[in-house]
Protein backbone atom coordinates (compact mmCIF):
# COMPACT_ATOMS: atom_id res chain seq x y z
CA UNK A 1 -10.79 -1.72 -26.79
CA UNK A 2 -13.65 0.62 -27.77
CA UNK A 3 -15.90 -2.32 -28.39
CA UNK A 4 -15.03 -3.92 -25.12
CA UNK A 5 -15.80 -0.64 -23.38
CA UNK A 6 -19.13 -0.44 -25.22
CA UNK A 7 -20.14 -3.89 -24.17
CA UNK A 8 -19.03 -3.28 -20.56
CA UNK A 9 -21.14 -0.05 -20.36
CA UNK A 10 -24.25 -1.95 -21.68
CA UNK A 11 -24.08 -4.59 -19.03
CA UNK A 12 -26.00 -4.36 -15.69
CA UNK A 13 -23.96 -3.86 -12.57
CA UNK A 14 -23.92 -7.51 -11.78
CA UNK A 15 -22.68 -8.26 -15.36
CA UNK A 16 -19.90 -5.69 -14.90
CA UNK A 17 -18.75 -7.46 -11.70
CA UNK A 18 -18.66 -10.68 -13.54
CA UNK A 19 -16.85 -9.11 -16.47
CA UNK A 20 -14.19 -7.67 -14.15
CA UNK A 21 -13.83 -11.19 -12.54
CA UNK A 22 -13.52 -12.84 -15.86
CA UNK A 23 -10.82 -10.38 -17.00
CA UNK A 24 -9.25 -11.00 -13.55
CA UNK A 25 -8.57 -14.64 -14.60
CA UNK A 26 -6.47 -13.47 -17.44
CA UNK A 27 -4.65 -10.89 -15.33
CA UNK A 28 -3.98 -13.42 -12.64
CA UNK A 29 -2.28 -15.68 -15.13
CA UNK A 30 -0.34 -12.79 -16.72
CA UNK A 31 0.88 -11.41 -13.32
CA UNK A 32 1.43 -14.58 -11.29
CA UNK A 33 2.10 -17.24 -13.89
CA UNK A 34 5.43 -19.19 -14.35
CA UNK A 35 8.52 -17.24 -13.31
CA UNK A 36 6.91 -14.91 -10.87
CA UNK A 37 7.93 -16.62 -7.66
CA UNK A 38 11.51 -16.99 -8.94
CA UNK A 39 11.65 -13.23 -9.83
CA UNK A 40 10.35 -12.39 -6.29
CA UNK A 41 13.04 -14.59 -4.72
CA UNK A 42 15.78 -13.05 -6.76
CA UNK A 43 14.78 -9.47 -5.82
CA UNK A 44 14.72 -10.36 -2.23
CA UNK A 45 18.17 -11.98 -2.37
CA UNK A 46 19.69 -8.93 -4.05
CA UNK A 47 18.53 -6.63 -1.25
CA UNK A 48 21.59 -7.72 0.74
CA UNK A 49 23.94 -6.45 -1.89
CA UNK A 50 26.54 -3.89 -0.92
CA UNK A 51 27.63 -0.97 -3.02
CA UNK A 52 30.32 -3.08 -4.93
CA UNK A 53 27.93 -5.88 -5.60
CA UNK A 54 25.36 -3.47 -7.03
CA UNK A 55 28.14 -1.91 -9.18
CA UNK A 56 29.13 -5.24 -10.74
CA UNK A 57 25.48 -6.22 -11.27
CA UNK A 58 24.68 -2.98 -13.05
CA UNK A 59 27.81 -2.99 -15.20
CA UNK A 60 27.10 -6.55 -16.38
CA UNK A 61 23.39 -5.99 -16.99
CA UNK A 62 23.95 -2.58 -18.66
CA UNK A 63 26.45 -3.84 -21.15
CA UNK A 64 23.97 -6.60 -22.11
CA UNK A 65 21.12 -4.14 -22.57
CA UNK A 66 23.26 -1.46 -24.42
CA UNK A 67 24.61 -4.23 -26.81
CA UNK A 68 21.04 -5.41 -27.67
CA UNK A 69 20.10 -1.78 -28.32
CA UNK A 70 23.02 -1.13 -30.69
CA UNK A 71 22.68 -4.36 -32.61
CA UNK A 72 18.99 -5.30 -32.48
CA UNK A 73 16.85 -2.16 -32.19
CA UNK A 74 16.07 -0.25 -35.31
CA UNK A 75 15.96 3.21 -33.74
CA UNK A 76 19.31 3.01 -32.05
CA UNK A 77 20.95 1.31 -34.93
CA UNK A 78 19.81 4.04 -37.29
CA UNK A 79 20.42 7.11 -35.03
CA UNK A 80 23.56 6.20 -33.04
CA UNK A 81 26.86 6.93 -34.65
CA UNK A 82 29.60 4.23 -35.03
CA UNK A 83 31.40 5.65 -32.00
CA UNK A 84 28.25 5.58 -29.94
CA UNK A 85 27.47 2.01 -30.91
CA UNK A 86 31.06 0.97 -29.82
CA UNK A 87 30.59 2.79 -26.53
CA UNK A 88 27.25 1.04 -26.10
CA UNK A 89 28.87 -2.38 -26.59
CA UNK A 90 31.39 -1.53 -23.92
CA UNK A 91 28.69 -0.54 -21.61
CA UNK A 92 29.72 3.22 -21.57
CA UNK A 93 26.39 4.89 -20.81
CA UNK A 94 27.72 8.33 -20.45
CA UNK A 95 28.83 8.54 -23.98
CA UNK A 96 25.35 7.99 -25.35
CA UNK A 97 22.74 10.64 -26.24
CA UNK A 98 19.70 11.41 -24.20
CA UNK A 99 16.39 10.12 -25.37
CA UNK A 100 13.33 12.35 -25.50
CA UNK A 101 9.73 11.11 -25.61
CA UNK A 102 8.92 12.26 -29.04
CA UNK A 103 10.65 9.46 -31.02
CA UNK A 104 9.06 6.80 -28.70
CA UNK A 105 5.72 8.38 -29.05
CA UNK A 106 6.03 8.76 -32.84
CA UNK A 107 7.12 5.08 -33.53
CA UNK A 108 7.20 2.84 -30.39
CA UNK A 109 7.69 -0.32 -32.47
CA UNK A 110 11.01 1.00 -33.86
CA UNK A 111 12.37 0.59 -30.21
CA UNK A 112 11.58 -3.16 -30.15
CA UNK A 113 14.13 -6.01 -30.81
CA UNK A 114 14.28 -7.55 -34.27
CA UNK A 115 15.70 -10.78 -32.95
CA UNK A 116 12.75 -11.50 -30.70
CA UNK A 117 9.19 -12.24 -31.80
CA UNK A 118 6.99 -12.74 -28.68
CA UNK A 119 3.75 -14.60 -29.43
CA UNK A 120 1.56 -11.90 -27.97
CA UNK A 121 3.34 -8.63 -26.86
CA UNK A 122 1.43 -6.53 -24.26
CA UNK A 123 0.86 -2.85 -25.11
CA UNK A 124 0.31 -0.41 -22.21
CA UNK A 125 -0.21 3.34 -22.73
CA UNK A 126 0.69 6.24 -20.52
CA UNK A 127 -2.23 8.58 -19.69
CA UNK A 128 -0.76 11.20 -22.05
CA UNK A 129 0.38 14.14 -19.99
CA UNK A 130 1.36 15.88 -23.29
CA UNK A 131 -1.39 14.60 -25.40
CA UNK A 132 -0.84 11.55 -27.45
CA UNK A 133 0.13 8.66 -25.06
CA UNK A 134 3.20 6.56 -25.39
CA UNK A 135 2.93 2.91 -26.16
CA UNK A 136 4.89 0.67 -23.81
CA UNK A 137 5.49 -2.74 -25.37
CA UNK A 138 6.24 -5.70 -22.99
CA UNK A 139 6.70 -9.51 -23.12
CA UNK A 140 4.76 -11.71 -20.71
CA UNK A 141 8.01 -12.40 -18.86
CA UNK A 142 8.56 -8.68 -18.43
CA UNK A 143 5.02 -8.11 -16.99
CA UNK A 144 5.56 -10.81 -14.28
CA UNK A 145 9.11 -9.49 -13.56
CA UNK A 146 7.62 -5.99 -13.03
CA UNK A 147 4.95 -7.25 -10.62
CA UNK A 148 7.56 -9.33 -8.79
CA UNK A 149 9.63 -6.22 -8.24
CA UNK A 150 6.55 -4.45 -6.72
CA UNK A 151 5.75 -7.44 -4.68
CA UNK A 152 9.31 -7.74 -3.20
CA UNK A 153 10.27 -4.02 -2.83
CA UNK A 154 6.91 -2.20 -2.41
CA UNK A 155 4.17 -4.51 -0.96
CA UNK A 156 6.50 -6.67 1.18
CA UNK A 157 8.17 -3.59 2.54
CA UNK A 158 4.73 -2.35 3.52
CA UNK A 159 3.86 -5.64 5.12
CA UNK A 160 1.22 -6.62 2.47
CA UNK A 161 1.03 -8.64 -0.70
CA UNK A 162 -0.52 -8.43 -4.11
CA UNK A 163 -1.98 -11.89 -3.45
CA UNK A 164 -4.23 -10.46 -0.62
CA UNK A 165 -7.38 -8.36 -0.76
CA UNK A 166 -6.64 -4.82 -2.00
CA UNK A 167 -8.42 -1.75 -3.34
CA UNK A 168 -7.26 0.35 -6.24
CA UNK A 169 -7.90 3.94 -7.45
CA UNK A 170 -6.72 4.36 -11.13
CA UNK A 171 -7.66 5.93 -14.40
CA UNK A 172 -10.01 3.14 -15.29
CA UNK A 173 -13.65 3.98 -15.99
CA UNK A 174 -15.16 1.62 -13.32
CA UNK A 175 -18.66 3.04 -13.30
CA UNK A 176 -19.62 4.19 -16.80
CA UNK A 177 -22.59 6.30 -15.67
CA UNK A 178 -21.52 9.78 -14.62
CA UNK A 179 -24.88 10.20 -12.70
CA UNK A 180 -24.77 6.87 -11.02
CA UNK A 181 -25.96 6.54 -7.46
CA UNK A 182 -23.71 3.67 -6.87
CA UNK A 183 -22.07 1.37 -6.30
CA UNK A 184 -18.90 3.20 -7.26
CA UNK A 185 -16.67 0.06 -7.50
CA UNK A 186 -16.47 -3.22 -9.37
CA UNK A 187 -14.98 -6.36 -7.77
CA UNK A 188 -12.40 -8.73 -9.21
CA UNK A 189 -13.24 -11.83 -7.24
CA UNK A 190 -10.27 -13.73 -8.68
CA UNK A 191 -7.68 -11.45 -6.97
CA UNK A 192 -10.01 -10.02 -4.34
CA UNK A 193 -9.44 -6.62 -5.89
CA UNK A 194 -11.86 -3.76 -5.54
CA UNK A 195 -11.57 -1.21 -8.32
CA UNK A 196 -12.65 2.13 -6.99
CA UNK A 197 -14.06 4.81 -9.40
CA UNK A 198 -11.75 7.89 -9.28
CA UNK A 199 -14.64 9.91 -11.06
CA UNK A 200 -17.53 9.70 -8.54
CA UNK A 201 -15.65 10.73 -5.34
CA UNK A 202 -17.29 13.57 -3.53
CA UNK A 203 -18.45 14.24 0.08
CA UNK A 204 -21.96 12.51 -0.30
CA UNK A 205 -20.39 9.37 -1.81
CA UNK A 206 -17.53 8.90 0.67
CA UNK A 207 -19.55 6.53 2.94
CA UNK A 208 -20.27 4.23 -0.02
CA UNK A 209 -16.50 3.87 -0.68
CA UNK A 210 -15.77 3.09 2.97
CA UNK A 211 -18.61 0.51 2.95
CA UNK A 212 -17.08 -1.18 -0.14
CA UNK A 213 -13.75 -1.55 1.57
CA UNK A 214 -15.41 -3.15 4.63
CA UNK A 215 -17.75 -5.43 2.53
CA UNK A 216 -14.84 -6.99 0.58
CA UNK A 217 -12.41 -7.06 3.74
CA UNK A 218 -9.80 -4.97 1.85
CA UNK A 219 -6.40 -5.29 3.64
CA UNK A 220 -4.47 -2.62 1.85
CA UNK A 221 -4.91 0.25 -0.66
CA UNK A 222 -2.89 1.32 -3.70
CA UNK A 223 -3.24 3.80 -6.53
CA UNK A 224 -3.75 7.43 -6.90
CA UNK A 225 -2.44 9.27 -3.90
CA UNK A 226 -4.84 12.30 -4.31
CA UNK A 227 -7.91 10.12 -4.38
CA UNK A 228 -7.03 8.49 -1.15
CA UNK A 229 -6.15 11.83 0.34
CA UNK A 230 -9.61 13.17 -0.67
CA UNK A 231 -11.42 10.21 0.54
CA UNK A 232 -9.44 10.47 3.82
CA UNK A 233 -10.43 14.06 4.15
CA UNK A 234 -14.07 13.28 3.70
CA UNK A 235 -13.83 10.44 6.27
CA UNK A 236 -12.28 12.74 8.87
CA UNK A 237 -14.89 15.44 8.32
CA UNK A 238 -17.72 12.97 8.48
CA UNK A 239 -16.14 10.82 11.08
CA UNK A 240 -16.36 7.60 9.10
CA UNK A 241 -14.40 4.74 10.49
CA UNK A 242 -12.46 2.64 8.11
CA UNK A 243 -12.18 -1.24 8.22
CA UNK A 244 -8.75 -2.43 9.36
CA UNK A 245 -6.28 -1.37 6.70
CA UNK A 246 -2.63 -2.37 6.98
CA UNK A 247 -0.97 0.00 4.53
CA UNK A 248 -1.50 2.52 1.67
CA UNK A 249 0.99 2.30 -1.27
CA UNK A 250 0.52 5.45 -3.36
CA UNK A 251 1.29 5.97 -6.97
CA UNK A 252 0.98 8.67 -9.67
CA UNK A 253 1.36 11.72 -7.52
CA UNK A 254 3.87 13.13 -5.06
CA UNK A 255 2.67 12.78 -1.46
CA UNK A 256 2.88 16.01 0.37
CA UNK A 257 3.30 16.06 4.22
CA UNK A 258 -0.36 17.22 4.64
CA UNK A 259 -1.56 14.38 2.36
CA UNK A 260 0.37 11.86 4.25
CA UNK A 261 -1.00 13.11 7.66
CA UNK A 262 -4.66 13.21 6.44
CA UNK A 263 -4.32 9.54 4.91
CA UNK A 264 -2.72 8.10 8.03
CA UNK A 265 -5.14 9.67 10.44
CA UNK A 266 -8.19 8.68 8.35
CA UNK A 267 -7.16 5.06 7.54
CA UNK A 268 -5.02 4.50 10.67
CA UNK A 269 -2.20 2.98 8.92
CA UNK A 270 1.19 3.87 7.34
CA UNK A 271 1.55 5.43 3.87
CA UNK A 272 4.28 4.15 1.56
CA UNK A 273 5.16 6.05 -1.54
CA UNK A 274 6.09 4.54 -4.80
CA UNK A 275 7.77 6.27 -7.84
CA UNK A 276 7.56 4.55 -11.24
CA UNK A 277 6.39 4.86 -14.82
CA UNK A 278 4.27 2.94 -17.30
CA UNK A 279 7.54 2.07 -19.17
CA UNK A 280 9.19 0.79 -15.96
CA UNK A 281 12.08 3.01 -16.79
CA UNK A 282 12.57 3.75 -13.06
CA UNK A 283 11.45 2.22 -9.89
CA UNK A 284 11.73 3.57 -6.29
CA UNK A 285 9.91 2.50 -3.15
CA UNK A 286 9.66 3.77 0.40
CA UNK A 287 10.99 1.72 3.30
CA UNK A 288 9.81 1.82 6.93
CA UNK A 289 12.26 4.61 7.69
CA UNK A 290 10.35 6.80 5.21
CA UNK A 291 13.13 6.92 2.55
CA UNK A 292 12.58 6.37 -1.17
CA UNK A 293 15.08 3.79 -2.39
CA UNK A 294 15.80 3.36 -6.08
CA UNK A 295 16.17 -0.38 -7.14
CA UNK A 296 19.52 -0.68 -8.94
CA UNK A 297 18.39 -3.87 -10.58
CA UNK A 298 15.50 -2.14 -12.36
CA UNK A 299 17.31 0.72 -13.81
CA UNK A 300 20.42 2.96 -13.94
CA UNK A 301 19.11 6.31 -12.65
CA UNK A 302 20.85 9.68 -13.49
CA UNK A 303 20.16 12.98 -12.17
CA UNK A 304 21.70 15.64 -14.42
CA UNK A 305 22.18 19.36 -14.86
CA UNK A 306 21.22 21.26 -17.92
CA UNK A 307 24.68 20.65 -19.43
CA UNK A 308 24.33 16.87 -18.87
CA UNK A 309 26.81 16.67 -15.98
CA UNK A 310 25.73 14.61 -12.87
CA UNK A 311 24.07 16.54 -9.89
CA UNK A 312 25.63 16.40 -6.41
CA UNK A 313 23.66 14.86 -3.58
CA UNK A 314 20.87 17.22 -2.62
CA UNK A 315 21.02 19.09 -5.88
CA UNK A 316 17.86 19.11 -7.99
CA UNK A 317 18.19 17.92 -11.62
CA UNK A 318 16.55 16.29 -14.59
CA UNK A 319 15.74 12.52 -14.07
CA UNK A 320 17.27 10.35 -16.88
CA UNK A 321 16.70 6.53 -16.63
CA UNK A 322 17.97 3.44 -18.47
CA UNK A 323 15.75 0.45 -17.82
CA UNK A 324 17.58 -2.83 -16.95
CA UNK A 325 14.58 -5.17 -16.39
CA UNK A 326 13.09 -4.75 -19.76
CA UNK A 327 15.03 -5.34 -22.94
CA UNK A 328 12.38 -6.07 -25.57
CA UNK A 329 11.81 -2.38 -25.94
CA UNK A 330 14.98 -0.98 -24.30
CA UNK A 331 14.92 2.63 -23.21
CA UNK A 332 18.44 4.16 -22.90
CA UNK A 333 18.97 7.43 -21.16
CA UNK A 334 15.24 8.27 -21.30
CA UNK A 335 14.23 11.71 -20.17
CA UNK A 336 11.27 11.22 -17.97
CA UNK A 337 10.35 14.93 -17.62
CA UNK A 338 10.65 14.76 -13.75
CA UNK A 339 13.07 16.54 -11.50
CA UNK A 340 14.66 14.89 -8.45
CA UNK A 341 17.63 15.04 -6.01
CA UNK A 342 19.79 12.35 -4.53
CA UNK A 343 19.74 11.96 -0.71
CA UNK A 344 22.85 13.30 0.96
CA UNK A 345 23.41 10.18 3.10
CA UNK A 346 22.48 6.39 3.42
CA UNK A 347 19.24 5.31 4.96
CA UNK A 348 19.06 4.16 8.47
CA UNK A 349 17.34 0.92 7.35
CA UNK A 350 20.73 -0.43 6.37
CA UNK A 351 20.04 -0.87 2.66
CA UNK A 352 22.79 0.15 0.28
CA UNK A 353 20.23 0.92 -2.45
CA UNK A 354 20.44 4.69 -3.23
CA UNK A 355 18.06 7.16 -1.74
CA UNK A 356 16.05 9.91 -3.48
CA UNK A 357 15.62 12.89 -1.20
CA UNK A 358 13.04 14.52 -3.43
CA UNK A 359 10.98 13.91 -6.61
CA UNK A 360 8.90 16.47 -8.37
CA UNK A 361 6.81 15.89 -11.49
CA UNK A 362 4.68 17.95 -13.91
CA UNK A 363 2.34 20.64 -12.63
CA UNK A 364 -1.23 19.39 -12.56
CA UNK A 365 -4.36 20.81 -10.88
CA UNK A 366 -7.34 18.98 -9.39
CA UNK A 367 -10.62 19.06 -11.51
CA UNK A 368 -13.82 19.53 -9.60
CA UNK A 369 -17.24 18.70 -10.87
CA UNK A 370 -20.41 20.85 -10.28
CA UNK A 371 -21.63 18.18 -7.83
CA UNK A 372 -18.33 18.27 -5.97
CA UNK A 373 -16.69 15.23 -7.43
CA UNK A 374 -12.86 15.66 -7.40
CA UNK A 375 -10.25 13.94 -9.56
CA UNK A 376 -6.65 14.22 -10.63
CA UNK A 377 -4.90 12.66 -13.69
CA UNK A 378 -7.72 14.16 -15.76
CA UNK A 379 -5.50 14.13 -18.84
CA UNK A 380 -6.43 10.49 -19.25
CA UNK A 381 -9.12 11.71 -21.60
CA UNK A 382 -6.33 11.70 -24.21
CA UNK A 383 -5.64 7.92 -24.05
CA UNK A 384 -6.22 6.33 -27.48
CA UNK A 385 -6.51 9.73 -29.23
CA UNK A 386 -4.04 9.02 -31.94
CA UNK A 387 -4.84 12.26 -33.87
CA UNK A 388 -3.69 14.42 -30.94
CA UNK A 389 -0.11 15.69 -30.73
CA UNK A 390 -0.54 17.69 -27.51
CA UNK A 391 -3.54 18.44 -25.31
CA UNK A 392 -4.37 20.47 -22.18
CA UNK A 393 -7.49 20.46 -20.04
CA UNK A 394 -8.51 23.94 -18.70
CA UNK A 395 -11.22 24.15 -16.05
CA UNK A 396 -12.74 27.64 -16.42
CA UNK A 397 -15.73 27.14 -14.11
CA UNK A 398 -17.13 24.34 -12.09
CA UNK A 399 -19.47 23.65 -15.14
CA UNK A 400 -17.11 24.61 -18.02
CA UNK A 401 -14.07 22.74 -19.33
CA UNK A 402 -12.00 23.91 -22.28
CA UNK A 403 -9.74 21.40 -24.02
CA UNK A 404 -6.85 22.82 -26.01
CA UNK A 405 -5.70 20.48 -28.75
CA UNK A 406 -2.74 20.42 -31.12
CA UNK A 407 -3.92 17.95 -33.74
CA UNK A 408 -2.49 16.01 -36.61
CA UNK A 409 -3.87 16.61 -40.13
CA UNK A 410 -6.22 13.65 -39.52
CA UNK A 411 -7.93 15.30 -36.55
CA UNK A 412 -11.72 15.63 -37.31
CA UNK A 413 -15.09 16.37 -35.86
CA UNK A 414 -15.40 12.70 -34.63
CA UNK A 415 -12.28 13.28 -32.43
CA UNK A 416 -13.87 16.39 -31.05
CA UNK A 417 -17.05 14.62 -30.13
CA UNK A 418 -15.12 11.88 -28.54
CA UNK A 419 -13.29 14.28 -26.32
CA UNK A 420 -16.46 15.99 -25.24
CA UNK A 421 -18.07 12.57 -24.48
CA UNK A 422 -15.13 11.54 -22.31
CA UNK A 423 -15.22 14.71 -20.28
CA UNK A 424 -18.91 14.36 -19.73
CA UNK A 425 -18.58 10.79 -18.76
CA UNK A 426 -16.26 11.82 -15.99
CA UNK A 427 -17.96 15.03 -14.86
CA UNK A 428 -21.57 14.61 -15.87
CA UNK A 429 -23.79 15.76 -18.78
CA UNK A 430 -24.27 19.28 -17.30
CA UNK A 431 -20.72 20.26 -17.96
CA UNK A 432 -20.07 22.47 -20.89
CA UNK A 433 -17.10 21.38 -22.98
CA UNK A 434 -15.36 23.45 -25.56
CA UNK A 435 -12.57 21.97 -27.70
CA UNK A 436 -10.15 24.49 -29.14
CA UNK A 437 -7.60 23.85 -31.82
CA UNK A 438 -4.38 25.54 -31.15
CA UNK A 439 -0.81 25.67 -32.74
CA UNK A 440 0.92 24.91 -29.50
CA UNK A 441 0.21 24.54 -25.76
CA UNK A 442 1.71 27.41 -23.82
CA UNK A 443 4.41 26.52 -21.20
CA UNK A 444 5.01 28.14 -17.94
CA UNK A 445 7.82 30.75 -17.35
CA UNK A 446 10.01 27.82 -16.38
CA UNK A 447 9.27 25.93 -19.71
CA UNK A 448 6.99 23.32 -17.94
CA UNK A 449 4.05 21.64 -19.55
CA UNK A 450 0.71 21.69 -17.54
CA UNK A 451 -1.58 18.94 -18.69
CA UNK A 452 -4.47 20.16 -16.50
CA UNK A 453 -5.04 23.82 -15.37
CA UNK A 454 -7.78 24.98 -13.10
CA UNK A 455 -8.92 28.69 -13.15
CA UNK A 456 -11.55 27.95 -10.43
CA UNK A 457 -11.03 30.07 -7.28
CA UNK A 458 -10.10 28.36 -4.03
CA UNK A 459 -13.62 29.01 -2.68
CA UNK A 460 -15.10 27.48 -5.77
CA UNK A 461 -12.89 24.56 -5.56
CA UNK A 462 -14.00 23.76 -2.10
CA UNK A 463 -10.56 23.48 -0.72
CA UNK A 464 -9.76 20.48 -2.90
CA UNK A 465 -6.10 21.09 -3.58
CA UNK A 466 -3.82 18.56 -1.93
CA UNK A 467 -1.61 20.27 0.55
CA UNK A 468 -0.42 23.10 -1.77
CA UNK A 469 -1.59 24.93 -4.92
CA UNK A 470 -0.76 21.97 -7.15
CA UNK A 471 -0.50 18.24 -7.36
CA UNK A 472 2.90 17.07 -8.70
CA UNK A 473 2.20 14.04 -10.97
CA UNK A 474 4.93 11.53 -11.50
CA UNK A 475 4.03 7.82 -12.18
CA UNK A 476 1.44 6.51 -14.51
CA UNK A 477 -0.72 3.34 -14.94
CA UNK A 478 1.28 0.20 -14.61
CA UNK A 479 0.52 -3.40 -15.20
CA UNK A 480 0.22 -4.07 -11.51
CA UNK A 481 -2.92 -2.08 -10.93
């Protein structure tokens, strides 16, 4: 991966466009290859299920997944008791222990099935909100199944499709030069997808982003909610008119009412929120009535109190998910680290899929560069850093970043230099970067981990915070980007 990034960085802009398009050929096969259309049709058919239909479906699928976990997955086979294994084979989820992220982070392959040997498993990484990212391991069939779910329950609900022209804000380093004067995007001609750089967005570059959308006739937008909010804010301030956009489907951050209002005014279309994770442990999408529906064929979602008992509707609790659509690396009662509450009543759209009234994630500030560029999900600098146990980014001034690191015994000066280089690539060479080794990352008084903390005053931040003092991060990078 490092070699590919180095080659990409060395290419001229036209060569980078060509490289993205060539990679798009592979992604197009991976996403839309054999099985995709059938998966989409099945998801659409199940939307008519009533509560009893969903209960039967979940019980049948859950028993199959739990039996696989008990019999074929080393981690569960070695850690579950005999009683718990018997409960798993009966499909009794409530009798099984909760799963934290630490074992998965430490040895992701111990969660994969021993009775299956895919020719080429696909490994995706979270952006590492607590330092070392988690490896999520998929089969090709699971990748297509995942995108089919997004096509049927997210894109289609918004009136768009992954097979039409779209633009994406994500954590990819699209433009390697932090001092670039543009263009700030690269084009995947195979899928008509515009990859927008999340690291060059500032008031004086906003017009170039809008121009890219128009040039490639983008029909809809997906990706980081805060990036579209900030672009929309600049567009309103500068009276920039967007090309016709049919919908925005946001990922990775909670959408506040102010963010939604700004995006809908600027882009003149409706915003649809999506809640998911890299592991696909949970999937929820917003319907035209503005309600966030959990897909029961994707997961069994629990919202629990501190004692493990289920929360009542409207009561905020911890999100625990058991994935039903991926069984090569099954995740059982996986603690996502998010808080949520069930909706108190069914949605007016008529769907019997359960509704989430509220989702809250980790606390995360926006990072602002000296030249005004603004970005969220900055903890992505830790991706691929295998010698980091935990990491936290602290913005002390517009031109000074401190990175606190809890490292493994193998952490060395090369890792320090890599962190500094990653920060400068995103914010520019003029930023001072200090890496501080610590024994632990401090938590808030509520025990929450903050991956990114800004100490810059609101004036120095140029009013960049989205709607409130913080952005609440939830989902991560997914294979559908």
